[in-house]
Amino acid sequence: MKKLMPLTFSLFCLLIIACSSEKREDNQISEEREFVPNPQELPEMPVAKLNLGDQAPYFNLPDVSGKYYTLDHFKDAEVLVVKFTCNHCPTAQAYEDRFIQVVDDFEDQNVAFVAISPNSPIGVLPEELGYTDLNDDFVSMQIRHEEKGYNFPYLYDGDVHEYSLAYGPTATPHVFVFDKDRKLTYSGRIDASEKPGTANAEDLRKAIEKAKEGNTMEITPAFGCSIKWAWKNEYTKKVNEEWKKKPVELESLSTEGLKNLLENDSENLLLVNFWATWCGPCIIEFPEFIEIQRMYGGRDFEFVSVSLDNPDQHDKALKFLTSKYSAITNYIMDTDDKYAIIDVVKQDWDGSLPLTLLIEPGGNVAYKVPGTIEPLKLKQAIVDHPMIGRYY
């Protein structure tokens, strides 16, 4: 029976996909209803490949507000553009403004646009988020939609990829253009130049015009980040487990050493968090810093923790850091003279914990948070800093 279960589930999913590729007899425009995301582990599934002339597969997916959209929502449009995209991918972010502009430019030309995120959140590592402030989960989609002012529906298909499998996107972003009969007329890139300001969605614009004329355009590769299918999470598990096995150390730091640290004689953007085991907010927010290190640690960035526990509390502080898998540079001050420490830090610090500083090479503080951080705002301050950035 154990050997039959994966096969049975696979056949079940295949039946769903097969049914979803045709217009359903009882298909009605879906009413808004509560949606609760539930990304799941899946066995590997076959991914379709659409050819020119193929019918647009059916879909029925929630947007960021929970409103469900189906293919019939766009039945009156002369052309339908379906873009597969996501929050985290630098290439997807590089094309966001161009796509928004295309939607504006075709506003009065009976062309409909919809975006779908096919990625499973369980398949994305923090190490893959070095060019973003957001994951690919449903809540993050809501944030991105609002912040960028998307002028098109943004739909979620990250639970079991029910409809994305029928379209077969190969990367984010990947656009599909369908004519008035919902036959595929183009699939591939938005344009040939990823860097913002170097192109204007020429391929997509041309494909839309050809579709309006009843013509097709040659399919192109879609360059970008690979699709995070749910069955590709074995590597994610492996890396997460490896991180938990990394050694955690806690070194003593003098006030002179602290002064040198804050001068940041390095080529990295330095994030320093002052904390203590007796500080409740410090304990609660600390795991966020480990995620941030994993996100941006592969770039010109480093996170360092500085404990203000008394020197004789070294073991207690180390025990806490170990429990949070703090495999980064950790310091504990070698003095219990807190005023000497405050005098070194300065920054109008009143001595209350936690304190977080984002320091540029040379010592300039680019971002300061006295008190508890707001993780999203801190991530935005990091990724939008000129030393980091959202694009290649």
Protein backbone atom coordinates (compact mmCIF):
# COMPACT_ATOMS: atom_id res chain seq x y z
CA MET A 1 0.00 0.00 0.00
CA LYS A 2 2.82 2.45 0.77
CA LYS A 3 4.18 2.10 -2.76
CA LEU A 4 0.76 2.70 -4.28
CA MET A 5 -0.04 5.92 -2.41
CA PRO A 6 2.34 8.28 -4.35
CA LEU A 7 1.12 6.83 -7.65
CA THR A 8 -2.51 7.22 -6.65
CA PHE A 9 -1.96 10.81 -5.61
CA SER A 10 -0.11 11.54 -8.85
CA LEU A 11 -2.99 10.13 -10.91
CA PHE A 12 -5.40 12.21 -8.87
CA CYS A 13 -3.43 15.39 -9.63
CA LEU A 14 -3.18 14.44 -13.30
CA LEU A 15 -6.96 14.09 -13.45
CA ILE A 16 -7.30 17.58 -11.94
CA ILE A 17 -4.95 19.01 -14.53
CA ALA A 18 -6.67 17.19 -17.39
CA CYS A 19 -10.03 18.52 -16.31
CA SER A 20 -8.64 22.01 -15.83
CA SER A 21 -7.43 22.20 -19.43
CA GLU A 22 -11.00 22.31 -20.73
CA LYS A 23 -13.79 24.79 -20.09
CA ARG A 24 -16.03 23.27 -17.45
CA GLU A 25 -19.73 22.87 -18.18
CA ASP A 26 -20.74 24.37 -14.86
CA ASN A 27 -18.17 27.14 -15.09
CA GLN A 28 -19.45 30.37 -13.57
CA ILE A 29 -17.60 33.55 -12.69
CA SER A 30 -16.40 32.76 -9.18
CA GLU A 31 -17.64 34.85 -6.31
CA GLU A 32 -15.24 36.31 -3.77
CA ARG A 33 -14.72 33.97 -0.85
CA GLU A 34 -12.21 33.50 1.90
CA PHE A 35 -8.98 31.94 0.77
CA VAL A 36 -6.47 30.27 3.07
CA PRO A 37 -3.20 29.23 1.40
CA ASN A 38 -1.99 25.69 2.04
CA PRO A 39 1.25 24.93 0.14
CA GLN A 40 1.87 21.19 0.09
CA GLU A 41 4.66 18.75 -0.65
CA LEU A 42 4.02 16.89 -3.90
CA PRO A 43 5.50 14.02 -5.87
CA GLU A 44 7.06 15.11 -9.15
CA MET A 45 4.44 15.93 -11.75
CA PRO A 46 4.57 16.26 -15.54
CA VAL A 47 4.77 19.87 -16.74
CA ALA A 48 2.94 20.67 -19.96
CA LYS A 49 4.42 22.58 -22.89
CA LEU A 50 2.06 24.73 -24.92
CA ASN A 51 2.59 25.04 -28.66
CA LEU A 52 1.34 27.73 -30.99
CA GLY A 53 -2.36 27.22 -31.66
CA ASP A 54 -3.01 25.39 -28.38
CA GLN A 55 -6.07 26.39 -26.38
CA ALA A 56 -5.58 28.44 -23.24
CA PRO A 57 -5.88 26.06 -20.27
CA TYR A 58 -8.66 26.77 -17.82
CA PHE A 59 -7.82 28.29 -14.44
CA ASN A 60 -9.70 29.24 -11.29
CA LEU A 61 -7.39 30.99 -8.84
CA PRO A 62 -7.56 33.56 -6.03
CA ASP A 63 -6.07 37.01 -6.38
CA VAL A 64 -4.41 38.81 -3.48
CA SER A 65 -7.81 39.88 -2.09
CA GLY A 66 -9.21 36.34 -2.16
CA LYS A 67 -11.38 36.99 -5.20
CA TYR A 68 -11.31 34.08 -7.62
CA TYR A 69 -10.64 34.61 -11.31
CA THR A 70 -11.34 32.13 -14.08
CA LEU A 71 -10.61 32.20 -17.80
CA ASP A 72 -14.18 33.44 -18.32
CA HIS A 73 -13.43 36.67 -16.49
CA PHE A 74 -11.55 37.73 -19.62
CA LYS A 75 -13.88 36.22 -22.28
CA ASP A 76 -14.70 39.60 -23.86
CA ALA A 77 -11.07 40.59 -24.40
CA GLU A 78 -9.68 40.44 -27.91
CA VAL A 79 -6.29 39.35 -26.57
CA LEU A 80 -5.35 37.75 -23.25
CA VAL A 81 -1.85 38.00 -21.78
CA VAL A 82 -0.97 35.59 -18.98
CA LYS A 83 2.30 36.31 -17.17
CA PHE A 84 3.89 33.83 -14.76
CA THR A 85 5.96 35.73 -12.24
CA CYS A 86 6.87 35.84 -8.55
CA ASN A 87 8.03 38.19 -5.79
CA HIS A 88 11.61 37.11 -5.17
CA CYS A 89 13.19 36.73 -8.61
CA PRO A 90 15.50 39.62 -9.63
CA THR A 91 14.59 39.13 -13.30
CA ALA A 92 10.87 39.24 -12.49
CA GLN A 93 11.42 42.45 -10.51
CA ALA A 94 13.45 43.94 -13.35
CA TYR A 95 10.46 43.61 -15.68
CA GLU A 96 7.73 44.76 -13.28
CA ASP A 97 7.57 48.40 -14.31
CA ARG A 98 7.72 47.54 -18.01
CA PHE A 99 4.81 45.15 -17.68
CA ILE A 100 2.79 47.72 -15.73
CA GLN A 101 3.45 50.23 -18.52
CA VAL A 102 2.32 47.77 -21.20
CA VAL A 103 -0.95 47.24 -19.32
CA ASP A 104 -1.46 51.02 -19.21
CA ASP A 105 -0.63 51.43 -22.89
CA PHE A 106 -3.17 48.81 -24.00
CA GLU A 107 -5.85 49.91 -21.56
CA ASP A 108 -8.29 51.03 -24.26
CA GLN A 109 -7.48 48.31 -26.79
CA ASN A 110 -9.51 45.42 -25.35
CA VAL A 111 -6.45 43.53 -24.16
CA ALA A 112 -6.66 41.71 -20.82
CA PHE A 113 -3.72 40.99 -18.53
CA VAL A 114 -3.34 38.61 -15.60
CA ALA A 115 -0.31 37.46 -13.60
CA ILE A 116 0.05 34.12 -11.84
CA SER A 117 2.61 33.14 -9.22
CA PRO A 118 3.27 29.41 -9.72
CA ASN A 119 5.93 29.06 -7.02
CA SER A 120 5.55 26.91 -3.93
CA PRO A 121 6.72 28.80 -0.82
CA ILE A 122 8.06 25.56 0.65
CA GLY A 123 10.56 25.30 -2.20
CA VAL A 124 12.24 28.67 -1.62
CA LEU A 125 15.33 29.03 0.58
CA PRO A 126 16.29 32.25 2.38
CA GLU A 127 19.54 32.05 0.38
CA GLU A 128 17.45 32.52 -2.79
CA LEU A 129 16.01 35.80 -1.52
CA GLY A 130 19.13 37.93 -1.82
CA TYR A 131 17.56 40.33 -4.32
CA THR A 132 14.26 40.90 -2.59
CA ASP A 133 12.51 41.75 0.65
CA LEU A 134 9.74 39.20 0.13
CA ASN A 135 9.18 35.47 -0.12
CA ASP A 136 6.74 33.91 -2.60
CA ASP A 137 3.98 33.20 -0.10
CA PHE A 138 0.46 34.58 -0.40
CA VAL A 139 0.91 37.39 2.15
CA SER A 140 4.05 38.57 0.36
CA MET A 141 2.07 38.67 -2.90
CA GLN A 142 -0.42 41.01 -1.22
CA ILE A 143 2.41 43.30 -0.13
CA ARG A 144 4.04 43.37 -3.57
CA HIS A 145 0.70 44.03 -5.30
CA GLU A 146 0.01 47.04 -3.10
CA GLU A 147 3.52 48.49 -3.09
CA LYS A 148 3.95 48.30 -6.85
CA GLY A 149 0.39 49.32 -7.66
CA TYR A 150 -0.28 46.38 -9.97
CA ASN A 151 -2.91 47.28 -12.55
CA PHE A 152 -3.78 43.64 -13.25
CA PRO A 153 -4.96 40.68 -11.14
CA TYR A 154 -2.17 38.82 -9.35
CA LEU A 155 -3.20 35.19 -8.77
CA TYR A 156 -1.77 32.54 -6.44
CA ASP A 157 -1.11 28.96 -7.57
CA GLY A 158 1.47 27.93 -4.99
CA ASP A 159 -0.48 25.22 -3.15
CA VAL A 160 -0.40 22.35 -5.69
CA HIS A 161 0.35 24.22 -8.97
CA GLU A 162 -3.03 22.99 -10.22
CA TYR A 163 -3.19 25.28 -13.23
CA SER A 164 0.44 26.34 -13.72
CA LEU A 165 1.30 22.76 -14.65
CA ALA A 166 -1.10 23.01 -17.59
CA TYR A 167 0.62 26.15 -18.92
CA GLY A 168 4.16 24.97 -18.29
CA PRO A 169 6.09 28.16 -17.53
CA THR A 170 9.84 27.55 -17.50
CA ALA A 171 10.99 30.69 -15.67
CA THR A 172 9.80 33.89 -14.06
CA PRO A 173 8.81 35.97 -15.88
CA HIS A 174 7.24 33.97 -18.73
CA VAL A 175 4.40 35.45 -20.81
CA PHE A 176 1.73 33.65 -22.85
CA VAL A 177 -0.35 35.56 -25.42
CA PHE A 178 -3.71 34.24 -26.64
CA ASP A 179 -5.94 35.56 -29.44
CA LYS A 180 -9.70 36.14 -29.30
CA ASP A 181 -10.32 32.40 -29.71
CA ARG A 182 -7.87 31.80 -26.86
CA LYS A 183 -5.35 30.09 -29.11
CA LEU A 184 -1.69 30.56 -28.18
CA THR A 185 0.03 33.06 -30.49
CA TYR A 186 3.21 33.69 -28.49
CA SER A 187 5.12 32.36 -25.50
CA GLY A 188 8.41 33.49 -24.01
CA ARG A 189 10.25 36.62 -22.96
CA ILE A 190 8.91 40.14 -22.48
CA ASP A 191 11.93 41.56 -24.29
CA ALA A 192 15.59 40.71 -24.80
CA SER A 193 17.20 43.08 -22.26
CA GLU A 194 16.75 42.42 -18.55
CA LYS A 195 18.23 45.63 -17.11
CA PRO A 196 15.55 48.29 -16.46
CA GLY A 197 15.74 51.22 -18.86
CA THR A 198 17.38 49.23 -21.66
CA ALA A 199 14.24 47.93 -23.39
CA ASN A 200 10.49 48.52 -23.55
CA ALA A 201 8.81 45.09 -23.70
CA GLU A 202 9.22 45.00 -27.48
CA ASP A 203 8.55 41.27 -27.85
CA LEU A 204 5.39 41.36 -25.78
CA ARG A 205 4.07 44.47 -27.53
CA LYS A 206 4.69 42.95 -30.96
CA ALA A 207 3.06 39.68 -29.89
CA ILE A 208 -0.07 41.52 -28.73
CA GLU A 209 -0.36 43.39 -32.03
CA LYS A 210 0.08 40.17 -34.01
CA ALA A 211 -2.54 38.42 -31.90
CA LYS A 212 -4.98 41.25 -32.65
CA GLU A 213 -4.33 40.67 -36.34
CA GLY A 214 -4.85 36.92 -35.97
CA ASN A 215 -1.16 36.12 -36.47
CA THR A 216 1.39 34.25 -34.42
CA MET A 217 4.97 35.05 -33.45
CA GLU A 218 7.89 32.69 -32.97
CA ILE A 219 8.20 31.29 -29.45
CA THR A 220 11.27 32.52 -27.54
CA PRO A 221 13.03 31.21 -24.42
CA ALA A 222 11.94 32.82 -21.15
CA PHE A 223 15.05 33.85 -19.23
CA GLY A 224 14.72 34.20 -15.46
CA CYS A 225 14.50 32.23 -12.22
CA SER A 226 13.44 28.59 -12.35
CA ILE A 227 9.92 27.69 -11.24
CA LYS A 228 9.86 26.54 -7.62
CA TRP A 229 7.79 23.39 -8.03
CA ALA A 230 6.81 21.82 -4.69
CA TRP A 231 8.64 18.56 -5.41
CA LYS A 232 11.94 20.43 -5.71
CA ASN A 233 12.15 21.02 -1.96
CA GLU A 234 14.63 18.26 -1.10
CA TYR A 235 17.51 20.67 -1.58
CA THR A 236 15.67 23.20 0.58
CA LYS A 237 15.42 20.68 3.40
CA LYS A 238 19.07 19.72 2.99
CA VAL A 239 20.35 23.30 3.18
CA ASN A 240 18.13 24.10 6.16
CA GLU A 241 19.46 21.07 8.03
CA GLU A 242 23.04 21.95 7.14
CA TRP A 243 22.56 25.45 8.55
CA LYS A 244 21.33 23.99 11.85
CA LYS A 245 24.51 21.91 12.12
CA LYS A 246 26.89 24.84 11.71
CA PRO A 247 28.97 25.68 14.80
CA VAL A 248 27.89 28.65 16.90
CA GLU A 249 30.58 30.65 18.67
CA LEU A 250 30.61 33.69 20.97
CA GLU A 251 33.72 35.86 21.20
CA SER A 252 34.57 38.54 23.77
CA LEU A 253 34.74 42.11 22.46
CA SER A 254 36.42 45.08 24.09
CA THR A 255 35.19 48.65 23.76
CA GLU A 256 38.14 49.32 21.46
CA GLY A 257 37.13 46.30 19.39
CA LEU A 258 33.57 47.63 19.28
CA LYS A 259 34.84 50.97 18.05
CA ASN A 260 36.72 49.24 15.25
CA LEU A 261 33.66 47.15 14.37
CA LEU A 262 31.44 50.21 14.05
CA GLU A 263 33.98 51.93 11.82
CA ASN A 264 33.31 49.08 9.40
CA ASP A 265 36.66 48.79 7.71
CA SER A 266 35.27 46.31 5.20
CA GLU A 267 33.65 46.20 1.77
CA ASN A 268 30.35 44.98 3.17
CA LEU A 269 27.16 46.61 4.33
CA LEU A 270 27.23 45.73 8.03
CA LEU A 271 24.17 45.05 10.16
CA VAL A 272 24.82 45.13 13.92
CA ASN A 273 22.25 44.18 16.53
CA PHE A 274 22.78 44.95 20.24
CA TRP A 275 20.79 42.55 22.40
CA ALA A 276 20.76 40.65 25.70
CA THR A 277 19.18 37.48 27.03
CA TRP A 278 17.22 39.48 29.62
CA CYS A 279 15.64 41.66 26.89
CA GLY A 280 12.29 40.17 25.86
CA PRO A 281 11.95 41.98 22.50
CA CYS A 282 15.56 41.04 21.66
CA ILE A 283 14.81 37.35 22.15
CA ILE A 284 11.63 37.47 20.10
CA GLU A 285 13.08 39.26 17.07
CA PHE A 286 16.49 37.54 16.95
CA PRO A 287 15.51 34.76 14.48
CA GLU A 288 14.65 37.48 11.96
CA PHE A 289 18.30 38.51 11.88
CA ILE A 290 19.42 34.97 11.11
CA GLU A 291 17.00 34.84 8.18
CA ILE A 292 18.30 38.22 7.00
CA GLN A 293 21.89 36.94 7.11
CA ARG A 294 20.89 33.90 5.09
CA MET A 295 19.08 36.10 2.59
CA TYR A 296 21.83 38.64 1.95
CA GLY A 297 24.95 36.87 3.21
CA GLY A 298 25.90 35.81 -0.30
CA ARG A 299 26.18 39.46 -1.32
CA ASP A 300 28.13 42.44 0.05
CA PHE A 301 26.49 42.09 3.44
CA GLU A 302 27.21 40.76 6.92
CA PHE A 303 25.21 40.53 10.14
CA VAL A 304 26.96 40.67 13.51
CA SER A 305 25.33 40.28 16.93
CA VAL A 306 26.66 42.00 20.05
CA SER A 307 25.41 40.75 23.41
CA LEU A 308 25.26 43.21 26.30
CA ASP A 309 24.91 40.45 28.84
CA ASN A 310 27.54 40.73 31.56
CA PRO A 311 30.76 38.83 30.77
CA ASP A 312 29.94 36.16 33.39
CA GLN A 313 26.75 35.37 31.43
CA HIS A 314 28.76 34.12 28.44
CA ASP A 315 27.46 30.55 28.64
CA LYS A 316 23.86 31.68 28.96
CA ALA A 317 24.18 33.92 25.90
CA LEU A 318 25.90 31.16 23.93
CA LYS A 319 23.16 28.70 24.83
CA PHE A 320 20.56 31.10 23.47
CA LEU A 321 22.52 31.75 20.27
CA THR A 322 22.95 28.03 19.74
CA SER A 323 19.21 27.47 20.11
CA LYS A 324 18.62 30.03 17.35
CA TYR A 325 21.29 28.55 15.04
CA SER A 326 23.22 31.82 15.09
CA ALA A 327 26.09 30.59 12.93
CA ILE A 328 27.37 34.12 12.31
CA THR A 329 29.86 36.43 14.03
CA ASN A 330 28.63 36.78 17.62
CA TYR A 331 30.24 38.98 20.26
CA ILE A 332 29.68 39.56 23.97
CA MET A 333 31.12 42.71 25.55
CA ASP A 334 33.99 42.04 27.94
CA THR A 335 32.84 44.76 30.34
CA ASP A 336 29.74 45.33 32.45
CA ASP A 337 30.24 49.10 32.15
CA LYS A 338 27.25 49.84 29.94
CA TYR A 339 27.97 53.57 29.87
CA ALA A 340 31.38 52.94 28.36
CA ILE A 341 29.63 50.93 25.63
CA ILE A 342 27.04 53.67 25.04
CA ASP A 343 29.83 56.22 24.72
CA VAL A 344 31.40 54.17 21.91
CA VAL A 345 28.15 53.52 20.05
CA LYS A 346 26.84 57.10 20.31
CA GLN A 347 24.04 57.52 17.64
CA ASP A 348 21.96 59.34 20.30
CA TRP A 349 21.48 55.94 21.92
CA ASP A 350 19.75 56.09 25.28
CA GLY A 351 21.02 52.63 26.27
CA SER A 352 17.74 50.76 25.82
CA LEU A 353 17.72 47.44 23.98
CA PRO A 354 17.45 46.27 21.31
CA LEU A 355 19.38 48.58 19.00
CA THR A 356 20.05 47.83 15.33
CA LEU A 357 22.43 49.70 13.03
CA LEU A 358 22.98 49.28 9.28
CA ILE A 359 26.48 50.60 8.66
CA GLU A 360 28.13 51.41 5.36
CA PRO A 361 31.89 50.87 4.77
CA GLY A 362 33.63 53.72 6.55
CA GLY A 363 31.18 53.85 9.45
CA ASN A 364 28.24 55.88 8.16
CA VAL A 365 24.97 54.62 9.66
CA ALA A 366 22.51 54.27 6.79
CA TYR A 367 19.59 52.95 8.85
CA LYS A 368 18.97 52.86 12.59
CA VAL A 369 16.29 51.14 14.63
CA PRO A 370 16.14 51.90 18.37
CA GLY A 371 13.78 49.27 19.75
CA THR A 372 12.13 46.38 17.95
CA ILE A 373 12.67 46.10 14.22
CA GLU A 374 9.96 45.82 11.58
CA PRO A 375 11.49 42.97 9.53
CA LEU A 376 10.02 44.04 6.19
CA LYS A 377 11.22 47.63 6.54
CA LEU A 378 14.70 46.46 7.54
CA LYS A 379 14.86 44.10 4.55
CA GLN A 380 13.76 46.93 2.30
CA ALA A 381 16.47 49.20 3.71
CA ILE A 382 19.04 46.51 2.92
CA VAL A 383 17.91 45.42 -0.55
CA ASP A 384 17.23 48.98 -1.72
CA HIS A 385 20.64 50.22 -0.57
CA PRO A 386 22.89 51.03 -3.58
CA MET A 387 25.38 48.40 -2.41
CA ILE A 388 22.80 45.61 -2.73
CA GLY A 389 19.91 46.28 -5.15
CA ARG A 390 17.14 44.16 -6.63
CA TYR A 391 18.68 43.46 -10.07
CA TYR A 392 21.84 41.97 -11.46
